[in-house]
Amino acid sequence: LAANGLDLGAPVLMRIFKNEFELELWMKRGDSYTLFTTYPICMWSGKLGPKFAEGDHQAPEGFYTVARNALNPNSRWHRSFNLGYPNTFDRTHGRTGSALMVHGNCASVGCYAMTDPQIDEIWRLINAAFDKGQTRFQVQIYPFRMTDEHLKARAENPAADFWQTLKPGYDAFERTKLPPKVSVCRGQYQFTASTSQADD
């Protein structure tokens, strides 16, 4: 699992795009991240837009961080890692839910499901990064690729205002190929583009 100068154990980052059914896995090379591969997502549930409440069967959108203790090798979904929903933004807005994961077994009730071979490969890359010292990795979850054209085409969607709050984080990563630093201020995501070699 080394290609294009990307070594097993390099820090990782993920981006998920609902509409495209794609999970991108990025690995660090030098001072920025390079796309390792794009996995087709087997299944996700709900519709485009954020998760609001426990039991709404909606897969979340937003910025999440995953530490090693979020990994479950004995999941009934083959292997899983918890995205950490609700994050600070979600809690600020009163959103509820639990056990929102990326996992295998190609079945989903609010999660992002992969095939078992895909999650096995992702698992190996994640654990190698943790073994080499990465403490957590960022997962950016979007409804679609956040271009101006795509946002304009969906401007009437009830989630449009929320999606606009994600776009600066998307743009920061597109520009720097480094995970933006994420905070929440006055109920809104705030992003600071990374200029250092921070891994998370």
Protein backbone atom coordinates (compact mmCIF):
# COMPACT_ATOMS: atom_id res chain seq x y z
CA LEU A 1 0.00 0.00 0.00
CA ALA A 2 2.59 2.49 -1.06
CA ALA A 3 2.13 4.42 -4.26
CA ASN A 4 3.12 7.80 -5.67
CA GLY A 5 5.61 8.23 -2.84
CA LEU A 6 2.93 7.64 -0.19
CA ASP A 7 4.18 5.36 2.55
CA LEU A 8 2.18 3.11 4.83
CA GLY A 9 2.12 4.93 8.16
CA ALA A 10 1.86 8.44 6.76
CA PRO A 11 -0.82 10.62 8.40
CA VAL A 12 -4.26 10.28 6.83
CA LEU A 13 -7.28 12.48 6.18
CA MET A 14 -10.71 11.64 4.72
CA ARG A 15 -13.29 13.48 2.71
CA ILE A 16 -16.77 12.05 2.12
CA PHE A 17 -19.14 13.25 -0.61
CA LYS A 18 -22.71 12.01 -0.26
CA ASN A 19 -24.06 12.87 -3.70
CA GLU A 20 -21.07 11.31 -5.43
CA PHE A 21 -21.01 8.25 -3.11
CA GLU A 22 -17.27 8.76 -2.68
CA LEU A 23 -14.84 8.47 0.23
CA GLU A 24 -11.43 9.99 -0.46
CA LEU A 25 -8.44 8.88 1.56
CA TRP A 26 -5.56 11.35 1.59
CA MET A 27 -2.07 10.67 2.92
CA LYS A 28 0.62 13.13 3.90
CA ARG A 29 3.64 13.50 1.67
CA GLY A 30 6.09 16.23 2.51
CA ASP A 31 4.30 19.36 3.72
CA SER A 32 0.83 18.59 2.36
CA TYR A 33 -1.63 15.78 1.72
CA THR A 34 -1.94 13.83 -1.53
CA LEU A 35 -4.95 11.79 -2.63
CA PHE A 36 -4.20 8.10 -2.11
CA THR A 37 -7.42 6.73 -3.57
CA THR A 38 -11.16 7.26 -3.86
CA TYR A 39 -13.43 4.48 -2.60
CA PRO A 40 -17.02 4.15 -3.79
CA ILE A 41 -19.35 4.28 -0.79
CA CYS A 42 -21.55 1.20 -0.79
CA MET A 43 -24.49 2.81 1.02
CA TRP A 44 -25.49 5.80 3.13
CA SER A 45 -28.91 6.66 4.49
CA GLY A 46 -31.13 9.71 4.54
CA LYS A 47 -30.82 12.60 2.09
CA LEU A 48 -28.51 15.50 1.36
CA GLY A 49 -28.31 17.70 4.46
CA PRO A 50 -27.12 17.42 8.07
CA LYS A 51 -28.28 15.05 10.76
CA PHE A 52 -30.63 16.60 13.30
CA ALA A 53 -31.88 13.98 15.73
CA GLU A 54 -31.43 10.48 17.06
CA GLY A 55 -33.47 8.10 14.94
CA ASP A 56 -33.85 10.28 11.85
CA HIS A 57 -31.73 7.79 9.85
CA GLN A 58 -29.73 10.70 8.49
CA ALA A 59 -25.99 10.43 7.82
CA PRO A 60 -24.16 13.47 9.22
CA GLU A 61 -22.35 16.28 7.43
CA GLY A 62 -19.62 18.48 8.89
CA PHE A 63 -16.08 18.29 10.24
CA TYR A 64 -15.14 15.46 12.60
CA THR A 65 -11.99 14.07 14.17
CA VAL A 66 -11.32 10.42 14.86
CA ALA A 67 -8.92 9.11 17.49
CA ARG A 68 -7.81 5.51 17.90
CA ASN A 69 -10.28 4.81 20.69
CA ALA A 70 -13.10 5.38 18.16
CA LEU A 71 -12.08 2.24 16.24
CA ASN A 72 -13.96 -1.00 16.83
CA PRO A 73 -12.33 -4.08 15.27
CA ASN A 74 -15.11 -6.33 16.58
CA SER A 75 -18.04 -4.36 15.18
CA ARG A 76 -21.09 -6.29 14.05
CA TRP A 77 -20.57 -4.30 10.85
CA HIS A 78 -17.20 -6.08 10.36
CA ARG A 79 -15.04 -3.07 11.32
CA SER A 80 -16.12 0.43 12.26
CA PHE A 81 -14.91 3.78 13.48
CA ASN A 82 -17.10 6.35 15.19
CA LEU A 83 -17.14 9.77 13.54
CA GLY A 84 -17.69 11.58 16.82
CA TYR A 85 -21.16 12.92 16.08
CA PRO A 86 -22.40 15.13 17.63
CA ASN A 87 -19.39 17.44 17.44
CA THR A 88 -19.26 20.90 19.04
CA PHE A 89 -21.22 22.47 16.18
CA ASP A 90 -23.91 19.78 16.34
CA ARG A 91 -24.28 20.10 20.11
CA THR A 92 -24.48 23.89 19.87
CA HIS A 93 -27.47 23.46 17.59
CA GLY A 94 -29.16 20.87 19.78
CA ARG A 95 -28.57 17.99 17.39
CA THR A 96 -28.65 14.48 18.81
CA GLY A 97 -27.55 11.05 17.72
CA SER A 98 -25.02 8.37 18.52
CA ALA A 99 -22.95 5.61 16.94
CA LEU A 100 -22.58 7.38 13.60
CA MET A 101 -19.84 5.47 11.88
CA VAL A 102 -17.94 4.46 8.80
CA HIS A 103 -18.05 0.67 8.66
CA GLY A 104 -18.18 -2.42 6.48
CA ASN A 105 -21.02 -4.81 5.67
CA CYS A 106 -22.62 -2.51 3.06
CA ALA A 107 -25.67 -1.65 5.19
CA SER A 108 -26.51 1.72 6.70
CA VAL A 109 -28.87 3.38 9.16
CA GLY A 110 -27.29 6.82 9.46
CA CYS A 111 -23.75 5.63 8.72
CA TYR A 112 -21.43 5.43 5.73
CA ALA A 113 -21.09 1.79 4.74
CA MET A 114 -18.25 0.33 2.70
CA THR A 115 -17.63 -3.17 1.44
CA ASP A 116 -15.60 -5.37 3.79
CA PRO A 117 -12.48 -5.38 1.54
CA GLN A 118 -12.61 -1.57 1.35
CA ILE A 119 -12.89 -1.10 5.11
CA ASP A 120 -10.08 -3.63 5.62
CA GLU A 121 -7.76 -1.52 3.47
CA ILE A 122 -8.88 1.74 5.12
CA TRP A 123 -8.39 0.06 8.51
CA ARG A 124 -4.82 -0.87 7.67
CA LEU A 125 -3.98 2.66 6.55
CA ILE A 126 -5.57 4.27 9.63
CA ASN A 127 -3.86 1.95 12.08
CA ALA A 128 -0.50 2.35 10.38
CA ALA A 129 -0.85 6.13 10.76
CA PHE A 130 -1.72 5.76 14.45
CA ASP A 131 1.22 3.37 14.93
CA LYS A 132 3.54 6.03 13.48
CA GLY A 133 2.26 8.72 15.84
CA GLN A 134 -0.80 10.40 14.32
CA THR A 135 -3.13 11.00 17.28
CA ARG A 136 -6.31 11.71 15.33
CA PHE A 137 -7.40 12.35 11.78
CA GLN A 138 -9.91 14.73 10.25
CA VAL A 139 -13.02 13.55 8.38
CA GLN A 140 -14.69 16.19 6.25
CA ILE A 141 -18.23 15.20 5.21
CA TYR A 142 -19.96 17.15 2.45
CA PRO A 143 -23.27 16.78 0.61
CA PHE A 144 -21.43 17.18 -2.71
CA ARG A 145 -18.29 18.80 -4.07
CA MET A 146 -18.65 22.32 -2.78
CA THR A 147 -18.19 24.30 -5.97
CA ASP A 148 -19.97 27.61 -6.47
CA GLU A 149 -21.95 26.01 -9.29
CA HIS A 150 -23.19 23.12 -7.14
CA LEU A 151 -24.15 25.44 -4.30
CA LYS A 152 -25.97 27.80 -6.64
CA ALA A 153 -27.90 24.91 -8.17
CA ARG A 154 -29.15 23.93 -4.71
CA ALA A 155 -29.68 27.42 -3.31
CA GLU A 156 -33.35 26.67 -2.57
CA ASN A 157 -32.54 23.58 -0.48
CA PRO A 158 -33.43 23.97 3.23
CA ALA A 159 -29.82 23.04 4.05
CA ALA A 160 -28.30 25.71 1.79
CA ASP A 161 -27.34 28.07 4.64
CA PHE A 162 -25.66 25.23 6.53
CA TRP A 163 -23.75 24.19 3.43
CA GLN A 164 -22.43 27.72 3.04
CA THR A 165 -20.84 27.36 6.49
CA LEU A 166 -18.94 24.27 5.28
CA LYS A 167 -17.59 25.86 2.12
CA PRO A 168 -14.74 27.89 3.71
CA GLY A 169 -13.35 24.66 5.19
CA TYR A 170 -13.65 22.93 1.84
CA ASP A 171 -11.95 25.84 0.10
CA ALA A 172 -9.13 25.96 2.67
CA PHE A 173 -8.28 22.32 2.07
CA GLU A 174 -8.55 22.71 -1.70
CA ARG A 175 -6.11 25.60 -1.50
CA THR A 176 -3.53 24.26 0.96
CA LYS A 177 -4.04 20.47 0.90
CA LEU A 178 -3.76 20.64 4.69
CA PRO A 179 -6.58 20.00 7.17
CA PRO A 180 -7.98 23.35 8.30
CA LYS A 181 -8.12 24.10 11.99
CA VAL A 182 -11.78 23.95 12.97
CA SER A 183 -13.57 25.79 15.77
CA VAL A 184 -17.12 26.92 16.51
CA CYS A 185 -17.91 30.54 17.35
CA ARG A 186 -21.40 31.95 17.87
CA GLY A 187 -22.90 28.80 16.48
CA GLN A 188 -20.90 28.84 13.25
CA TYR A 189 -17.96 26.84 11.97
CA GLN A 190 -14.75 28.87 11.90
CA PHE A 191 -11.79 27.70 9.83
CA THR A 192 -8.16 28.70 9.90
CA ALA A 193 -6.16 27.43 6.98
CA SER A 194 -3.17 25.37 8.13
CA THR A 195 0.17 26.75 7.12
CA SER A 196 2.17 24.39 9.32
CA GLN A 197 2.78 20.68 9.05
CA ALA A 198 0.09 19.82 11.61
CA ASP A 199 -1.38 16.36 11.16
CA ASP A 200 -4.81 17.02 12.64
